[in-house]
Amino acid sequence: MISIFIIASLIIKISTSGPAHFCIDFFSFFSCSEDSCTWVFTSNLSPGSNFNLLHFTSAIVGLAPLLIFFFQQVSLISPLANLVAVPVISFWVVPLLLISVFVMMFSPKLAEVLLNAVDMVLQGLWLVLSKIADFPFAGITHAQPSVWALLFSLAGCFLLFAPRGIPGRWLGVIFLLPVVFVNIEKPEHGEYKMTLMDVGQGLSAVVETKNHVLVYDAGARFSSRFDMGESVILPYLRSQGINTLDVLIVSHGDNDHI
């Protein structure tokens, strides 16, 4: 059975004018070619340049508002991840995939061998990227901005990376400020806010006061790859700009509560 890594790798844009460039960070998998990339992220490149630091910088800055809005996280180690992943994808995965697709018409068994080889390469790459993601300070968390702040920040990205000659490109930095400085409403003194979350077989409660946060039950851990605390509770805490807890209460020792 072809794994999900193979299926993901088959989603490739092929341009007739140049090779495909792949941008991979901590939580995203993108493929783009010289022609399919938007003018915002390529307009400042010198003629004939195909791949340099500006690709990384523009991708990180351009994706940061969307990552903060949807995931409340931004990767700081994506350049290192790209440094590892881009050669593997460009020189091993893509050629083998294209060859296997061609060979499949004549010899399905040989194509299966090639696809299994690609799968092994991608499994190894995933293991290396997982180790990189465990580095200290691999990413930062941030409170979820409003939709208006997101729209302003996207406009700021377009302006910041606009072609040379367009005046006022520095204003793009100002447009990015609303997504950085997020105003999170906290309960007033003497008030509290309680949020109930469905964590599978039970409920988890997050109680917030002006200066303290309490979490009651953290949800079940179904496997080493999936637990409700990381999938449900942590995203909510990040969206509220909460990085530390004052109190964590576990009602009892069953798996669906811890």
C-alpha atoms as a PDB file:
ATOM      1  CA  MET A   1       0.000   0.000   0.000  1.00  0.00           C
ATOM      2  CA  ILE A   2       1.367   3.390  -0.972  1.00  0.00           C
ATOM      3  CA  SER A   3       1.680   5.577   2.107  1.00  0.00           C
ATOM      4  CA  ILE A   4       0.287   9.056   2.548  1.00  0.00           C
ATOM      5  CA  PHE A   5       3.785  10.453   1.959  1.00  0.00           C
ATOM      6  CA  ILE A   6       3.702   9.128  -1.608  1.00  0.00           C
ATOM      7  CA  ILE A   7       0.246  10.591  -2.205  1.00  0.00           C
ATOM      8  CA  ALA A   8       1.361  13.973  -0.890  1.00  0.00           C
ATOM      9  CA  SER A   9       4.415  13.922  -3.114  1.00  0.00           C
ATOM     10  CA  LEU A  10       2.357  13.172  -6.227  1.00  0.00           C
ATOM     11  CA  ILE A  11       0.642  16.567  -5.896  1.00  0.00           C
ATOM     12  CA  ILE A  12       3.234  18.438  -7.949  1.00  0.00           C
ATOM     13  CA  LYS A  13       2.998  21.473 -10.210  1.00  0.00           C
ATOM     14  CA  ILE A  14       5.168  21.030 -13.276  1.00  0.00           C
ATOM     15  CA  SER A  15       6.340  24.090 -15.153  1.00  0.00           C
ATOM     16  CA  THR A  16       7.805  23.944 -18.638  1.00  0.00           C
ATOM     17  CA  SER A  17      10.147  26.854 -17.966  1.00  0.00           C
ATOM     18  CA  GLY A  18      12.156  25.521 -15.094  1.00  0.00           C
ATOM     19  CA  PRO A  19      12.516  22.957 -12.310  1.00  0.00           C
ATOM     20  CA  ALA A  20      10.138  22.858  -9.398  1.00  0.00           C
ATOM     21  CA  HIS A  21      11.272  24.326  -6.094  1.00  0.00           C
ATOM     22  CA  PHE A  22       9.913  22.923  -2.881  1.00  0.00           C
ATOM     23  CA  CYS A  23       9.431  24.848   0.345  1.00  0.00           C
ATOM     24  CA  ILE A  24       8.963  22.672   3.416  1.00  0.00           C
ATOM     25  CA  ASP A  25       8.741  23.936   6.979  1.00  0.00           C
ATOM     26  CA  PHE A  26       7.674  22.572  10.355  1.00  0.00           C
ATOM     27  CA  PHE A  27       3.996  22.313   9.524  1.00  0.00           C
ATOM     28  CA  SER A  28       3.622  22.824   5.782  1.00  0.00           C
ATOM     29  CA  PHE A  29       4.462  21.115   2.494  1.00  0.00           C
ATOM     30  CA  PHE A  30       4.453  23.359  -0.574  1.00  0.00           C
ATOM     31  CA  SER A  31       5.620  22.989  -4.142  1.00  0.00           C
ATOM     32  CA  CYS A  32       6.051  25.913  -6.495  1.00  0.00           C
ATOM     33  CA  SER A  33       7.784  26.591  -9.781  1.00  0.00           C
ATOM     34  CA  GLU A  34       9.377  29.736 -11.155  1.00  0.00           C
ATOM     35  CA  ASP A  35       6.199  30.621 -13.063  1.00  0.00           C
ATOM     36  CA  SER A  36       3.604  29.501 -10.519  1.00  0.00           C
ATOM     37  CA  CYS A  37       5.038  31.530  -7.637  1.00  0.00           C
ATOM     38  CA  THR A  38       3.316  34.848  -7.246  1.00  0.00           C
ATOM     39  CA  TRP A  39       5.030  38.035  -8.386  1.00  0.00           C
ATOM     40  CA  VAL A  40       5.142  39.189  -4.767  1.00  0.00           C
ATOM     41  CA  PHE A  41       7.655  36.552  -3.754  1.00  0.00           C
ATOM     42  CA  THR A  42       9.854  36.667  -6.879  1.00  0.00           C
ATOM     43  CA  SER A  43       9.849  40.279  -8.001  1.00  0.00           C
ATOM     44  CA  ASN A  44      12.940  41.214  -5.995  1.00  0.00           C
ATOM     45  CA  LEU A  45      15.080  38.401  -7.361  1.00  0.00           C
ATOM     46  CA  SER A  46      17.872  39.265  -9.731  1.00  0.00           C
ATOM     47  CA  PRO A  47      17.430  38.090 -13.345  1.00  0.00           C
ATOM     48  CA  GLY A  48      18.228  34.418 -13.766  1.00  0.00           C
ATOM     49  CA  SER A  49      18.310  33.604 -10.046  1.00  0.00           C
ATOM     50  CA  ASN A  50      16.428  30.443  -9.180  1.00  0.00           C
ATOM     51  CA  PHE A  51      16.953  29.791  -5.520  1.00  0.00           C
ATOM     52  CA  ASN A  52      18.393  31.950  -2.790  1.00  0.00           C
ATOM     53  CA  LEU A  53      17.839  33.271   0.701  1.00  0.00           C
ATOM     54  CA  LEU A  54      15.117  35.662  -0.433  1.00  0.00           C
ATOM     55  CA  HIS A  55      12.908  32.698  -1.307  1.00  0.00           C
ATOM     56  CA  PHE A  56      13.140  31.531   2.293  1.00  0.00           C
ATOM     57  CA  THR A  57      12.640  34.998   3.752  1.00  0.00           C
ATOM     58  CA  SER A  58       9.642  35.863   1.604  1.00  0.00           C
ATOM     59  CA  ALA A  59       8.033  32.474   2.260  1.00  0.00           C
ATOM     60  CA  ILE A  60       8.475  32.744   6.032  1.00  0.00           C
ATOM     61  CA  VAL A  61       7.215  36.319   6.252  1.00  0.00           C
ATOM     62  CA  GLY A  62       4.416  35.748   3.751  1.00  0.00           C
ATOM     63  CA  LEU A  63       3.135  32.621   5.487  1.00  0.00           C
ATOM     64  CA  ALA A  64       3.566  33.884   9.055  1.00  0.00           C
ATOM     65  CA  PRO A  65       0.214  35.768   9.259  1.00  0.00           C
ATOM     66  CA  LEU A  66      -1.699  32.726   7.979  1.00  0.00           C
ATOM     67  CA  LEU A  67       0.153  30.351  10.300  1.00  0.00           C
ATOM     68  CA  ILE A  68      -0.490  32.606  13.287  1.00  0.00           C
ATOM     69  CA  PHE A  69      -4.164  32.957  12.407  1.00  0.00           C
ATOM     70  CA  PHE A  70      -4.874  29.262  11.807  1.00  0.00           C
ATOM     71  CA  PHE A  71      -2.321  27.522  14.057  1.00  0.00           C
ATOM     72  CA  GLN A  72      -1.059  30.238  16.428  1.00  0.00           C
ATOM     73  CA  GLN A  73       2.497  29.112  15.685  1.00  0.00           C
ATOM     74  CA  VAL A  74       5.386  30.169  13.474  1.00  0.00           C
ATOM     75  CA  SER A  75       8.395  27.975  12.756  1.00  0.00           C
ATOM     76  CA  LEU A  76      11.853  29.404  13.373  1.00  0.00           C
ATOM     77  CA  ILE A  77      13.713  26.389  12.036  1.00  0.00           C
ATOM     78  CA  SER A  78      12.076  26.250   8.607  1.00  0.00           C
ATOM     79  CA  PRO A  79      15.274  27.446   6.821  1.00  0.00           C
ATOM     80  CA  LEU A  80      17.153  24.507   8.352  1.00  0.00           C
ATOM     81  CA  ALA A  81      14.294  22.145   7.469  1.00  0.00           C
ATOM     82  CA  ASN A  82      14.358  23.458   3.893  1.00  0.00           C
ATOM     83  CA  LEU A  83      18.112  23.016   3.737  1.00  0.00           C
ATOM     84  CA  VAL A  84      17.620  19.327   4.496  1.00  0.00           C
ATOM     85  CA  ALA A  85      14.380  18.673   2.614  1.00  0.00           C
ATOM     86  CA  VAL A  86      14.831  20.592  -0.647  1.00  0.00           C
ATOM     87  CA  PRO A  87      17.776  18.513  -1.965  1.00  0.00           C
ATOM     88  CA  VAL A  88      16.081  15.261  -0.957  1.00  0.00           C
ATOM     89  CA  ILE A  89      12.813  16.199  -2.669  1.00  0.00           C
ATOM     90  CA  SER A  90      14.471  17.745  -5.743  1.00  0.00           C
ATOM     91  CA  PHE A  91      17.135  15.131  -6.475  1.00  0.00           C
ATOM     92  CA  TRP A  92      15.569  11.928  -5.132  1.00  0.00           C
ATOM     93  CA  VAL A  93      11.819  12.019  -4.603  1.00  0.00           C
ATOM     94  CA  VAL A  94      10.612  13.908  -7.680  1.00  0.00           C
ATOM     95  CA  PRO A  95      12.831  12.118 -10.241  1.00  0.00           C
ATOM     96  CA  LEU A  96      11.971   8.692  -8.823  1.00  0.00           C
ATOM     97  CA  LEU A  97       8.278   9.528  -8.792  1.00  0.00           C
ATOM     98  CA  LEU A  98       8.284  10.700 -12.386  1.00  0.00           C
ATOM     99  CA  ILE A  99      10.239   7.644 -13.473  1.00  0.00           C
ATOM    100  CA  SER A 100       7.904   5.316 -11.571  1.00  0.00           C
ATOM    101  CA  VAL A 101       4.845   6.902 -13.213  1.00  0.00           C
ATOM    102  CA  PHE A 102       6.383   6.295 -16.644  1.00  0.00           C
ATOM    103  CA  VAL A 103       7.556   2.762 -15.787  1.00  0.00           C
ATOM    104  CA  MET A 104       4.135   1.877 -14.394  1.00  0.00           C
ATOM    105  CA  MET A 105       2.756   1.637 -17.928  1.00  0.00           C
ATOM    106  CA  PHE A 106       5.223  -1.160 -18.793  1.00  0.00           C
ATOM    107  CA  SER A 107       6.192  -2.810 -15.505  1.00  0.00           C
ATOM    108  CA  PRO A 108       3.939  -2.283 -12.461  1.00  0.00           C
ATOM    109  CA  LYS A 109       6.249  -4.394 -10.287  1.00  0.00           C
ATOM    110  CA  LEU A 110       9.286  -2.242 -11.070  1.00  0.00           C
ATOM    111  CA  ALA A 111       7.179   0.874 -10.453  1.00  0.00           C
ATOM    112  CA  GLU A 112       6.179  -0.577  -7.091  1.00  0.00           C
ATOM    113  CA  VAL A 113       9.857  -1.064  -6.204  1.00  0.00           C
ATOM    114  CA  LEU A 114      10.596   2.559  -7.102  1.00  0.00           C
ATOM    115  CA  LEU A 115       7.597   3.821  -5.129  1.00  0.00           C
ATOM    116  CA  ASN A 116       8.680   1.783  -2.119  1.00  0.00           C
ATOM    117  CA  ALA A 117      12.126   3.359  -2.403  1.00  0.00           C
ATOM    118  CA  VAL A 118      10.532   6.815  -2.462  1.00  0.00           C
ATOM    119  CA  ASP A 119       8.475   5.875   0.556  1.00  0.00           C
ATOM    120  CA  MET A 120      11.598   4.850   2.476  1.00  0.00           C
ATOM    121  CA  VAL A 121      13.313   8.123   1.569  1.00  0.00           C
ATOM    122  CA  LEU A 122      10.304  10.150   2.698  1.00  0.00           C
ATOM    123  CA  GLN A 123       9.991   8.170   5.911  1.00  0.00           C
ATOM    124  CA  GLY A 124      13.624   8.929   6.672  1.00  0.00           C
ATOM    125  CA  LEU A 125      13.141  12.575   5.765  1.00  0.00           C
ATOM    126  CA  TRP A 126      10.112  12.769   8.036  1.00  0.00           C
ATOM    127  CA  LEU A 127      12.161  11.295  10.894  1.00  0.00           C
ATOM    128  CA  VAL A 128      14.915  13.882  10.400  1.00  0.00           C
ATOM    129  CA  LEU A 129      12.405  16.746  10.195  1.00  0.00           C
ATOM    130  CA  SER A 130      10.707  15.478  13.354  1.00  0.00           C
ATOM    131  CA  LYS A 131      14.056  15.601  15.168  1.00  0.00           C
ATOM    132  CA  ILE A 132      14.642  19.133  13.877  1.00  0.00           C
ATOM    133  CA  ALA A 133      11.174  20.139  15.075  1.00  0.00           C
ATOM    134  CA  ASP A 134      12.125  19.017  18.590  1.00  0.00           C
ATOM    135  CA  PHE A 135      14.948  21.549  18.777  1.00  0.00           C
ATOM    136  CA  PRO A 136      14.605  24.161  21.555  1.00  0.00           C
ATOM    137  CA  PHE A 137      13.005  27.358  20.295  1.00  0.00           C
ATOM    138  CA  ALA A 138      11.957  25.593  17.086  1.00  0.00           C
ATOM    139  CA  GLY A 139       8.906  27.828  16.913  1.00  0.00           C
ATOM    140  CA  ILE A 140       7.004  30.575  18.649  1.00  0.00           C
ATOM    141  CA  THR A 141       3.381  30.655  19.708  1.00  0.00           C
ATOM    142  CA  HIS A 142       1.167  33.692  19.457  1.00  0.00           C
ATOM    143  CA  ALA A 143      -2.400  34.649  20.229  1.00  0.00           C
ATOM    144  CA  GLN A 144      -4.870  34.424  17.364  1.00  0.00           C
ATOM    145  CA  PRO A 145      -5.344  37.796  15.629  1.00  0.00           C
ATOM    146  CA  SER A 146      -8.651  39.049  14.276  1.00  0.00           C
ATOM    147  CA  VAL A 147      -9.709  38.621  10.665  1.00  0.00           C
ATOM    148  CA  TRP A 148      -9.132  42.331  10.056  1.00  0.00           C
ATOM    149  CA  ALA A 149      -5.592  42.050  11.437  1.00  0.00           C
ATOM    150  CA  LEU A 150      -4.987  39.095   9.112  1.00  0.00           C
ATOM    151  CA  LEU A 151      -6.202  41.037   6.067  1.00  0.00           C
ATOM    152  CA  PHE A 152      -4.022  44.024   6.958  1.00  0.00           C
ATOM    153  CA  SER A 153      -0.996  41.778   7.436  1.00  0.00           C
ATOM    154  CA  LEU A 154      -1.515  40.056   4.081  1.00  0.00           C
ATOM    155  CA  ALA A 155      -1.744  43.457   2.422  1.00  0.00           C
ATOM    156  CA  GLY A 156       1.455  44.363   4.242  1.00  0.00           C
ATOM    157  CA  CYS A 157       3.198  41.275   2.837  1.00  0.00           C
ATOM    158  CA  PHE A 158       2.164  42.175  -0.714  1.00  0.00           C
ATOM    159  CA  LEU A 159       3.388  45.722  -0.203  1.00  0.00           C
ATOM    160  CA  LEU A 160       6.606  44.696   1.525  1.00  0.00           C
ATOM    161  CA  PHE A 161       7.626  42.369  -1.310  1.00  0.00           C
ATOM    162  CA  ALA A 162       6.281  44.522  -4.124  1.00  0.00           C
ATOM    163  CA  PRO A 163       8.541  45.108  -7.156  1.00  0.00           C
ATOM    164  CA  ARG A 164      11.271  47.685  -6.931  1.00  0.00           C
ATOM    165  CA  GLY A 165      10.127  51.163  -7.810  1.00  0.00           C
ATOM    166  CA  ILE A 166       6.784  51.035  -6.019  1.00  0.00           C
ATOM    167  CA  PRO A 167       6.890  53.817  -3.383  1.00  0.00           C
ATOM    168  CA  GLY A 168       6.091  53.229   0.271  1.00  0.00           C
ATOM    169  CA  ARG A 169       7.036  49.568   0.449  1.00  0.00           C
ATOM    170  CA  TRP A 170       8.269  50.136   4.004  1.00  0.00           C
ATOM    171  CA  LEU A 171       4.643  50.735   5.019  1.00  0.00           C
ATOM    172  CA  GLY A 172       4.208  46.972   4.748  1.00  0.00           C
ATOM    173  CA  VAL A 173       5.985  46.646   8.084  1.00  0.00           C
ATOM    174  CA  ILE A 174       3.344  48.878   9.703  1.00  0.00           C
ATOM    175  CA  PHE A 175       0.591  46.768   8.157  1.00  0.00           C
ATOM    176  CA  LEU A 176       2.122  43.718   9.873  1.00  0.00           C
ATOM    177  CA  LEU A 177       1.916  45.249  13.355  1.00  0.00           C
ATOM    178  CA  PRO A 178      -1.780  44.368  14.049  1.00  0.00           C
ATOM    179  CA  VAL A 179      -1.006  40.667  13.748  1.00  0.00           C
ATOM    180  CA  VAL A 180       1.921  41.035  16.176  1.00  0.00           C
ATOM    181  CA  PHE A 181       0.247  43.154  18.839  1.00  0.00           C
ATOM    182  CA  VAL A 182      -2.983  41.288  19.534  1.00  0.00           C
ATOM    183  CA  ASN A 183      -5.400  42.567  22.145  1.00  0.00           C
ATOM    184  CA  ILE A 184      -6.799  39.624  24.120  1.00  0.00           C
ATOM    185  CA  GLU A 185      -9.786  40.418  26.287  1.00  0.00           C
ATOM    186  CA  LYS A 186      -9.250  39.202  29.847  1.00  0.00           C
ATOM    187  CA  PRO A 187     -11.905  38.947  32.582  1.00  0.00           C
ATOM    188  CA  GLU A 188     -12.143  41.959  34.850  1.00  0.00           C
ATOM    189  CA  HIS A 189     -11.124  41.763  38.500  1.00  0.00           C
ATOM    190  CA  GLY A 190     -13.624  39.588  40.372  1.00  0.00           C
ATOM    191  CA  GLU A 191     -14.914  37.944  37.165  1.00  0.00           C
ATOM    192  CA  TYR A 192     -14.013  34.683  35.492  1.00  0.00           C
ATOM    193  CA  LYS A 193     -14.401  33.051  32.104  1.00  0.00           C
ATOM    194  CA  MET A 194     -15.028  29.300  31.779  1.00  0.00           C
ATOM    195  CA  THR A 195     -14.725  27.386  28.523  1.00  0.00           C
ATOM    196  CA  LEU A 196     -15.868  23.761  28.148  1.00  0.00           C
ATOM    197  CA  MET A 197     -14.263  21.624  25.441  1.00  0.00           C
ATOM    198  CA  ASP A 198     -15.231  18.221  24.120  1.00  0.00           C
ATOM    199  CA  VAL A 199     -12.200  15.961  24.524  1.00  0.00           C
ATOM    200  CA  GLY A 200     -13.735  12.664  23.489  1.00  0.00           C
ATOM    201  CA  GLN A 201     -15.326  10.685  26.285  1.00  0.00           C
ATOM    202  CA  GLY A 202     -15.618  13.695  28.567  1.00  0.00           C
ATOM    203  CA  LEU A 203     -15.201  17.428  28.912  1.00  0.00           C
ATOM    204  CA  SER A 204     -12.279  19.653  29.768  1.00  0.00           C
ATOM    205  CA  ALA A 205     -12.758  23.014  31.454  1.00  0.00           C
ATOM    206  CA  VAL A 206     -10.540  26.066  31.183  1.00  0.00           C
ATOM    207  CA  VAL A 207     -11.190  28.706  33.831  1.00  0.00           C
ATOM    208  CA  GLU A 208      -9.603  32.115  33.318  1.00  0.00           C
ATOM    209  CA  THR A 209      -9.443  35.054  35.684  1.00  0.00           C
ATOM    210  CA  LYS A 210      -7.634  38.346  35.244  1.00  0.00           C
ATOM    211  CA  ASN A 211      -4.262  36.892  36.270  1.00  0.00           C
ATOM    212  CA  HIS A 212      -4.664  33.120  36.511  1.00  0.00           C
ATOM    213  CA  VAL A 213      -5.600  30.103  34.381  1.00  0.00           C
ATOM    214  CA  LEU A 214      -6.894  26.717  35.574  1.00  0.00           C
ATOM    215  CA  VAL A 215      -7.417  23.612  33.433  1.00  0.00           C
ATOM    216  CA  TYR A 216      -9.620  20.765  34.682  1.00  0.00           C
ATOM    217  CA  ASP A 217      -8.860  17.441  32.948  1.00  0.00           C
ATOM    218  CA  ALA A 218      -6.670  17.236  29.868  1.00  0.00           C
ATOM    219  CA  GLY A 219      -8.448  14.654  27.703  1.00  0.00           C
ATOM    220  CA  ALA A 220      -7.453  11.212  26.489  1.00  0.00           C
ATOM    221  CA  ARG A 221      -4.209  10.102  24.881  1.00  0.00           C
ATOM    222  CA  PHE A 222      -5.198   7.564  22.238  1.00  0.00           C
ATOM    223  CA  SER A 223      -1.724   6.854  20.856  1.00  0.00           C
ATOM    224  CA  SER A 224       1.797   8.229  20.697  1.00  0.00           C
ATOM    225  CA  ARG A 225       0.713  10.334  17.699  1.00  0.00           C
ATOM    226  CA  PHE A 226      -2.623  11.674  18.911  1.00  0.00           C
ATOM    227  CA  ASP A 227      -3.997  12.972  22.161  1.00  0.00           C
ATOM    228  CA  MET A 228      -6.916  15.302  22.847  1.00  0.00           C
ATOM    229  CA  GLY A 229      -4.870  17.654  25.003  1.00  0.00           C
ATOM    230  CA  GLU A 230      -2.529  18.525  22.171  1.00  0.00           C
ATOM    231  CA  SER A 231      -5.255  18.530  19.519  1.00  0.00           C
ATOM    232  CA  VAL A 232      -8.010  20.416  21.368  1.00  0.00           C
ATOM    233  CA  ILE A 233      -6.819  22.124  24.546  1.00  0.00           C
ATOM    234  CA  LEU A 234      -3.435  23.466  23.406  1.00  0.00           C
ATOM    235  CA  PRO A 235      -4.826  25.164  20.258  1.00  0.00           C
ATOM    236  CA  TYR A 236      -7.414  26.953  22.394  1.00  0.00           C
ATOM    237  CA  LEU A 237      -4.808  28.082  24.926  1.00  0.00           C
ATOM    238  CA  ARG A 238      -2.579  29.373  22.127  1.00  0.00           C
ATOM    239  CA  SER A 239      -5.467  31.227  20.525  1.00  0.00           C
ATOM    240  CA  GLN A 240      -5.994  33.038  23.836  1.00  0.00           C
ATOM    241  CA  GLY A 241      -2.320  33.888  24.252  1.00  0.00           C
ATOM    242  CA  ILE A 242      -1.946  31.544  27.234  1.00  0.00           C
ATOM    243  CA  ASN A 243       1.558  30.052  27.505  1.00  0.00           C
ATOM    244  CA  THR A 244       1.588  28.888  31.129  1.00  0.00           C
ATOM    245  CA  LEU A 245      -0.940  27.349  33.518  1.00  0.00           C
ATOM    246  CA  ASP A 246      -1.335  28.217  37.167  1.00  0.00           C
ATOM    247  CA  VAL A 247      -3.306  25.088  38.091  1.00  0.00           C
ATOM    248  CA  LEU A 248      -3.934  21.752  36.346  1.00  0.00           C
ATOM    249  CA  ILE A 249      -6.483  19.479  37.994  1.00  0.00           C
ATOM    250  CA  VAL A 250      -6.885  15.833  36.984  1.00  0.00           C
ATOM    251  CA  SER A 251     -10.106  14.407  38.424  1.00  0.00           C
ATOM    252  CA  HIS A 252      -8.882  10.788  38.403  1.00  0.00           C
ATOM    253  CA  GLY A 253      -6.325   8.526  36.761  1.00  0.00           C
ATOM    254  CA  ASP A 254      -8.283   7.152  33.819  1.00  0.00           C
ATOM    255  CA  ASN A 255      -6.694   7.660  30.406  1.00  0.00           C
ATOM    256  CA  ASP A 256      -9.548   9.835  29.158  1.00  0.00           C
ATOM    257  CA  HIS A 257      -8.784  12.439  31.846  1.00  0.00           C
ATOM    258  CA  ILE A 258      -4.978  12.703  31.531  1.00  0.00           C
END
